[in-house]
Amino acid sequence: IDEIKQLLEAADWVHHVEGSGRGPDQLVISSVDETPVAYWNDDAFVSREGKVFISGHQNGGDLAQLYGPVGKERAVMQQYQQLNNALLKSGQQIEVLNLDERGSWLFTDASGVKVLLGKEHITERIQRYLKVLDDGGLESRMDNVLSIDTRYVNGIAVRWKLPEKELDIAKNYKSQREFSL
């Protein structure tokens, strides 16, 4: 029984196998497949635990796409889960999450906006992004946003799809700010 379990568990797509003998001529084996949470690097799936597997038996459907260096699967999955949990509160979700070779994070949300997070202080940066999104009124303008860079100490930078002249943004921002002081 143990030999059969080991043989079956060697398949990528098998999460675990249980087996038992029933009488001298009967063997009962049950297996649980890995459950894909996201696609991994264009050629595999990744489970909730960060295990990469290839399966012809799985149909991923509408899953997020995760990218990262070999050996960083668990770290990418953990970051995906943390970021996605934070974003779900504001009604957003990650479509693509990328960890590059230098350790820098970037995600693309469901509307196609790229958010650069950098290497450090990821939690602080995502909280700042969400604060500007909700309290700063950026959420209503996301259709016009191309990318957002959160790698600044005290704020974010927004790259617009349209030139600033064509957007309905306050033209007298400086005077409004001075007035509020």
C-alpha atoms as a PDB file:
ATOM      1  CA  ILE A   1       0.000   0.000   0.000  1.00  0.00           C
ATOM      2  CA  ASP A   2       2.792   2.424   0.879  1.00  0.00           C
ATOM      3  CA  GLU A   3       4.568   1.754  -2.405  1.00  0.00           C
ATOM      4  CA  ILE A   4       1.403   2.447  -4.388  1.00  0.00           C
ATOM      5  CA  LYS A   5       0.760   5.647  -2.411  1.00  0.00           C
ATOM      6  CA  GLN A   6       4.308   6.874  -3.093  1.00  0.00           C
ATOM      7  CA  LEU A   7       3.989   6.073  -6.769  1.00  0.00           C
ATOM      8  CA  LEU A   8       0.694   7.964  -7.085  1.00  0.00           C
ATOM      9  CA  GLU A   9       1.864  10.934  -4.977  1.00  0.00           C
ATOM     10  CA  ALA A  10       4.823  11.359  -7.334  1.00  0.00           C
ATOM     11  CA  ALA A  11       2.409  12.809  -9.909  1.00  0.00           C
ATOM     12  CA  ASP A  12       2.470  16.644  -9.814  1.00  0.00           C
ATOM     13  CA  TRP A  13      -1.274  17.031  -9.812  1.00  0.00           C
ATOM     14  CA  VAL A  14      -1.914  14.693  -6.846  1.00  0.00           C
ATOM     15  CA  HIS A  15      -2.190  16.453  -3.482  1.00  0.00           C
ATOM     16  CA  HIS A  16      -2.301  13.316  -1.378  1.00  0.00           C
ATOM     17  CA  VAL A  17      -3.321   9.668  -1.509  1.00  0.00           C
ATOM     18  CA  GLU A  18      -4.952   7.442   1.081  1.00  0.00           C
ATOM     19  CA  GLY A  19      -5.070   3.712   0.820  1.00  0.00           C
ATOM     20  CA  SER A  20      -6.188   0.738   2.833  1.00  0.00           C
ATOM     21  CA  GLY A  21      -6.434  -2.983   2.408  1.00  0.00           C
ATOM     22  CA  ARG A  22      -9.765  -4.696   2.731  1.00  0.00           C
ATOM     23  CA  GLY A  23      -9.240  -8.355   2.997  1.00  0.00           C
ATOM     24  CA  PRO A  24      -6.511 -10.332   1.262  1.00  0.00           C
ATOM     25  CA  ASP A  25      -7.479  -9.393  -2.291  1.00  0.00           C
ATOM     26  CA  GLN A  26      -8.971  -5.895  -2.122  1.00  0.00           C
ATOM     27  CA  LEU A  27      -7.223  -2.517  -2.049  1.00  0.00           C
ATOM     28  CA  VAL A  28      -9.033   0.826  -1.694  1.00  0.00           C
ATOM     29  CA  ILE A  29      -7.156   3.918  -2.912  1.00  0.00           C
ATOM     30  CA  SER A  30      -8.477   7.462  -2.909  1.00  0.00           C
ATOM     31  CA  SER A  31      -6.597  10.485  -4.173  1.00  0.00           C
ATOM     32  CA  VAL A  32      -7.168  14.211  -3.830  1.00  0.00           C
ATOM     33  CA  ASP A  33      -6.049  16.366  -6.751  1.00  0.00           C
ATOM     34  CA  GLU A  34      -4.164  19.622  -6.287  1.00  0.00           C
ATOM     35  CA  THR A  35      -6.469  22.607  -6.580  1.00  0.00           C
ATOM     36  CA  PRO A  36      -5.115  25.373  -8.800  1.00  0.00           C
ATOM     37  CA  VAL A  37      -5.374  28.872  -7.335  1.00  0.00           C
ATOM     38  CA  ALA A  38      -3.501  30.627 -10.154  1.00  0.00           C
ATOM     39  CA  TYR A  39      -1.465  30.064 -13.280  1.00  0.00           C
ATOM     40  CA  TRP A  40       2.293  30.009 -12.768  1.00  0.00           C
ATOM     41  CA  ASN A  41       4.780  31.424 -15.317  1.00  0.00           C
ATOM     42  CA  ASP A  42       2.659  30.624 -18.385  1.00  0.00           C
ATOM     43  CA  ASP A  43       3.220  26.868 -18.176  1.00  0.00           C
ATOM     44  CA  ALA A  44       1.849  25.503 -14.899  1.00  0.00           C
ATOM     45  CA  PHE A  45      -0.559  25.959 -12.018  1.00  0.00           C
ATOM     46  CA  VAL A  46       0.192  26.893  -8.411  1.00  0.00           C
ATOM     47  CA  SER A  47      -1.733  25.711  -5.347  1.00  0.00           C
ATOM     48  CA  ARG A  48      -2.686  27.697  -2.237  1.00  0.00           C
ATOM     49  CA  GLU A  49       0.416  26.313  -0.505  1.00  0.00           C
ATOM     50  CA  GLY A  50       2.673  27.499  -3.348  1.00  0.00           C
ATOM     51  CA  LYS A  51       3.205  24.101  -4.959  1.00  0.00           C
ATOM     52  CA  VAL A  52       3.733  24.310  -8.709  1.00  0.00           C
ATOM     53  CA  PHE A  53       2.212  21.497 -10.749  1.00  0.00           C
ATOM     54  CA  ILE A  54       1.366  20.611 -14.306  1.00  0.00           C
ATOM     55  CA  SER A  55      -1.848  18.781 -15.026  1.00  0.00           C
ATOM     56  CA  GLY A  56      -3.722  17.777 -18.112  1.00  0.00           C
ATOM     57  CA  HIS A  57      -6.663  17.010 -15.822  1.00  0.00           C
ATOM     58  CA  GLN A  58      -7.182  20.581 -14.629  1.00  0.00           C
ATOM     59  CA  ASN A  59      -8.969  23.395 -16.394  1.00  0.00           C
ATOM     60  CA  GLY A  60      -7.893  26.614 -14.711  1.00  0.00           C
ATOM     61  CA  GLY A  61     -10.579  28.846 -16.133  1.00  0.00           C
ATOM     62  CA  ASP A  62     -10.526  32.421 -14.891  1.00  0.00           C
ATOM     63  CA  LEU A  63      -7.512  32.325 -12.565  1.00  0.00           C
ATOM     64  CA  ALA A  64      -4.949  34.998 -11.787  1.00  0.00           C
ATOM     65  CA  GLN A  65      -1.544  34.805 -13.461  1.00  0.00           C
ATOM     66  CA  LEU A  66       1.491  34.737 -11.160  1.00  0.00           C
ATOM     67  CA  TYR A  67       5.081  35.191 -12.305  1.00  0.00           C
ATOM     68  CA  GLY A  68       8.289  34.781 -10.376  1.00  0.00           C
ATOM     69  CA  PRO A  69      11.719  33.207 -10.329  1.00  0.00           C
ATOM     70  CA  VAL A  70      12.055  29.465  -9.807  1.00  0.00           C
ATOM     71  CA  GLY A  71      12.111  28.736  -6.079  1.00  0.00           C
ATOM     72  CA  LYS A  72       9.964  31.769  -5.147  1.00  0.00           C
ATOM     73  CA  GLU A  73       6.589  30.103  -5.681  1.00  0.00           C
ATOM     74  CA  ARG A  74       5.597  30.129  -2.010  1.00  0.00           C
ATOM     75  CA  ALA A  75       6.630  33.764  -1.526  1.00  0.00           C
ATOM     76  CA  VAL A  76       4.670  34.843  -4.614  1.00  0.00           C
ATOM     77  CA  MET A  77       1.591  32.899  -3.491  1.00  0.00           C
ATOM     78  CA  GLN A  78       1.762  34.407   0.015  1.00  0.00           C
ATOM     79  CA  GLN A  79       2.092  37.916  -1.401  1.00  0.00           C
ATOM     80  CA  TYR A  80      -0.778  37.257  -3.811  1.00  0.00           C
ATOM     81  CA  GLN A  81      -3.045  36.158  -0.968  1.00  0.00           C
ATOM     82  CA  GLN A  82      -2.122  39.158   1.218  1.00  0.00           C
ATOM     83  CA  LEU A  83      -2.517  41.706  -1.575  1.00  0.00           C
ATOM     84  CA  ASN A  84      -5.729  40.182  -2.874  1.00  0.00           C
ATOM     85  CA  ASN A  85      -7.258  40.205   0.628  1.00  0.00           C
ATOM     86  CA  ALA A  86      -6.397  43.897   1.006  1.00  0.00           C
ATOM     87  CA  LEU A  87      -7.764  44.744  -2.446  1.00  0.00           C
ATOM     88  CA  LEU A  88     -11.010  42.783  -2.084  1.00  0.00           C
ATOM     89  CA  LYS A  89     -12.187  45.222   0.578  1.00  0.00           C
ATOM     90  CA  SER A  90     -12.214  47.932  -2.097  1.00  0.00           C
ATOM     91  CA  GLY A  91     -13.796  45.672  -4.718  1.00  0.00           C
ATOM     92  CA  GLN A  92     -10.602  45.070  -6.692  1.00  0.00           C
ATOM     93  CA  GLN A  93      -8.709  41.912  -7.520  1.00  0.00           C
ATOM     94  CA  ILE A  94      -5.354  40.995  -8.957  1.00  0.00           C
ATOM     95  CA  GLU A  95      -5.236  39.661 -12.495  1.00  0.00           C
ATOM     96  CA  VAL A  96      -1.426  39.455 -12.764  1.00  0.00           C
ATOM     97  CA  LEU A  97       1.216  39.527 -10.023  1.00  0.00           C
ATOM     98  CA  ASN A  98       4.875  39.661 -10.920  1.00  0.00           C
ATOM     99  CA  LEU A  99       7.997  39.296  -8.787  1.00  0.00           C
ATOM    100  CA  ASP A 100      11.002  40.128 -10.956  1.00  0.00           C
ATOM    101  CA  GLU A 101      14.564  38.814 -10.618  1.00  0.00           C
ATOM    102  CA  ARG A 102      15.557  41.861  -8.517  1.00  0.00           C
ATOM    103  CA  GLY A 103      12.749  41.288  -6.005  1.00  0.00           C
ATOM    104  CA  SER A 104      10.427  44.059  -7.155  1.00  0.00           C
ATOM    105  CA  TRP A 105       6.642  43.544  -7.097  1.00  0.00           C
ATOM    106  CA  LEU A 106       4.105  44.728  -9.676  1.00  0.00           C
ATOM    107  CA  PHE A 107       0.466  43.807 -10.123  1.00  0.00           C
ATOM    108  CA  THR A 108      -2.197  44.458 -12.721  1.00  0.00           C
ATOM    109  CA  ASP A 109      -5.788  44.722 -11.540  1.00  0.00           C
ATOM    110  CA  ALA A 110      -8.902  43.531 -13.348  1.00  0.00           C
ATOM    111  CA  SER A 111      -9.287  46.871 -15.160  1.00  0.00           C
ATOM    112  CA  GLY A 112      -5.746  46.664 -16.571  1.00  0.00           C
ATOM    113  CA  VAL A 113      -4.120  49.254 -14.281  1.00  0.00           C
ATOM    114  CA  LYS A 114      -0.513  48.412 -13.391  1.00  0.00           C
ATOM    115  CA  VAL A 115       0.524  49.128  -9.804  1.00  0.00           C
ATOM    116  CA  LEU A 116       4.248  49.246  -9.039  1.00  0.00           C
ATOM    117  CA  LEU A 117       5.006  48.245  -5.444  1.00  0.00           C
ATOM    118  CA  GLY A 118       8.800  47.951  -5.429  1.00  0.00           C
ATOM    119  CA  LYS A 119      10.852  45.749  -3.112  1.00  0.00           C
ATOM    120  CA  GLU A 120      10.197  47.044   0.391  1.00  0.00           C
ATOM    121  CA  HIS A 121       7.322  48.190   2.594  1.00  0.00           C
ATOM    122  CA  ILE A 122       4.751  46.440   0.429  1.00  0.00           C
ATOM    123  CA  THR A 123       2.027  46.537   3.110  1.00  0.00           C
ATOM    124  CA  GLU A 124       2.483  50.279   3.693  1.00  0.00           C
ATOM    125  CA  ARG A 125       2.457  50.955  -0.036  1.00  0.00           C
ATOM    126  CA  ILE A 126      -0.709  48.981  -0.696  1.00  0.00           C
ATOM    127  CA  GLN A 127      -2.419  50.736   2.236  1.00  0.00           C
ATOM    128  CA  ARG A 128      -1.371  54.125   0.819  1.00  0.00           C
ATOM    129  CA  TYR A 129      -2.649  53.090  -2.611  1.00  0.00           C
ATOM    130  CA  LEU A 130      -6.010  52.055  -1.131  1.00  0.00           C
ATOM    131  CA  LYS A 131      -6.255  55.281   0.871  1.00  0.00           C
ATOM    132  CA  VAL A 132      -5.707  57.418  -2.233  1.00  0.00           C
ATOM    133  CA  LEU A 133      -8.069  55.187  -4.179  1.00  0.00           C
ATOM    134  CA  ASP A 134     -10.892  55.551  -1.647  1.00  0.00           C
ATOM    135  CA  ASP A 135     -10.333  58.859   0.152  1.00  0.00           C
ATOM    136  CA  GLY A 136      -8.530  60.675  -2.669  1.00  0.00           C
ATOM    137  CA  GLY A 137     -11.244  60.074  -5.240  1.00  0.00           C
ATOM    138  CA  LEU A 138      -9.047  58.075  -7.599  1.00  0.00           C
ATOM    139  CA  GLU A 139     -11.506  55.187  -7.725  1.00  0.00           C
ATOM    140  CA  SER A 140     -13.933  57.157  -9.894  1.00  0.00           C
ATOM    141  CA  ARG A 141     -11.111  57.963 -12.357  1.00  0.00           C
ATOM    142  CA  MET A 142      -9.613  54.462 -12.718  1.00  0.00           C
ATOM    143  CA  ASP A 143     -10.878  54.184 -16.315  1.00  0.00           C
ATOM    144  CA  ASN A 144      -8.372  56.922 -17.233  1.00  0.00           C
ATOM    145  CA  VAL A 145      -5.416  55.470 -15.276  1.00  0.00           C
ATOM    146  CA  LEU A 146      -2.621  53.621 -17.065  1.00  0.00           C
ATOM    147  CA  SER A 147      -0.358  52.906 -14.073  1.00  0.00           C
ATOM    148  CA  ILE A 148       0.233  53.845 -10.443  1.00  0.00           C
ATOM    149  CA  ASP A 149       3.645  54.002  -8.810  1.00  0.00           C
ATOM    150  CA  THR A 150       3.529  53.539  -5.022  1.00  0.00           C
ATOM    151  CA  ARG A 151       7.309  53.550  -4.512  1.00  0.00           C
ATOM    152  CA  TYR A 152       7.335  57.083  -3.115  1.00  0.00           C
ATOM    153  CA  VAL A 153       7.768  57.797   0.589  1.00  0.00           C
ATOM    154  CA  ASN A 154       4.727  60.034   1.035  1.00  0.00           C
ATOM    155  CA  GLY A 155       2.426  59.428  -1.894  1.00  0.00           C
ATOM    156  CA  ILE A 156       1.848  57.833  -5.255  1.00  0.00           C
ATOM    157  CA  ALA A 157       2.315  58.863  -8.889  1.00  0.00           C
ATOM    158  CA  VAL A 158      -0.447  58.334 -11.427  1.00  0.00           C
ATOM    159  CA  ARG A 159       0.181  57.904 -15.135  1.00  0.00           C
ATOM    160  CA  TRP A 160      -2.925  58.802 -17.092  1.00  0.00           C
ATOM    161  CA  LYS A 161      -4.104  57.230 -20.348  1.00  0.00           C
ATOM    162  CA  LEU A 162      -5.158  60.621 -21.697  1.00  0.00           C
ATOM    163  CA  PRO A 163      -3.137  63.835 -21.538  1.00  0.00           C
ATOM    164  CA  GLU A 164      -3.870  65.807 -18.356  1.00  0.00           C
ATOM    165  CA  LYS A 165      -5.471  68.599 -20.423  1.00  0.00           C
ATOM    166  CA  GLU A 166      -8.236  66.264 -21.530  1.00  0.00           C
ATOM    167  CA  LEU A 167      -9.040  65.009 -18.035  1.00  0.00           C
ATOM    168  CA  ASP A 168     -11.513  66.769 -15.800  1.00  0.00           C
ATOM    169  CA  ILE A 169      -9.034  67.600 -13.043  1.00  0.00           C
ATOM    170  CA  ALA A 170      -9.127  70.776 -10.976  1.00  0.00           C
ATOM    171  CA  LYS A 171      -7.118  73.403 -12.836  1.00  0.00           C
ATOM    172  CA  ASN A 172      -6.578  75.542  -9.752  1.00  0.00           C
ATOM    173  CA  TYR A 173      -5.244  72.849  -7.427  1.00  0.00           C
ATOM    174  CA  LYS A 174      -2.446  75.030  -6.071  1.00  0.00           C
ATOM    175  CA  SER A 175      -4.784  77.851  -5.122  1.00  0.00           C
ATOM    176  CA  GLN A 176      -7.192  75.411  -3.449  1.00  0.00           C
ATOM    177  CA  ARG A 177      -4.357  73.966  -1.415  1.00  0.00           C
ATOM    178  CA  GLU A 178      -3.087  77.385  -0.363  1.00  0.00           C
ATOM    179  CA  PHE A 179      -6.604  78.423   0.597  1.00  0.00           C
ATOM    180  CA  SER A 180      -7.050  75.395   2.840  1.00  0.00           C
ATOM    181  CA  LEU A 181      -3.833  76.173   4.730  1.00  0.00           C
END
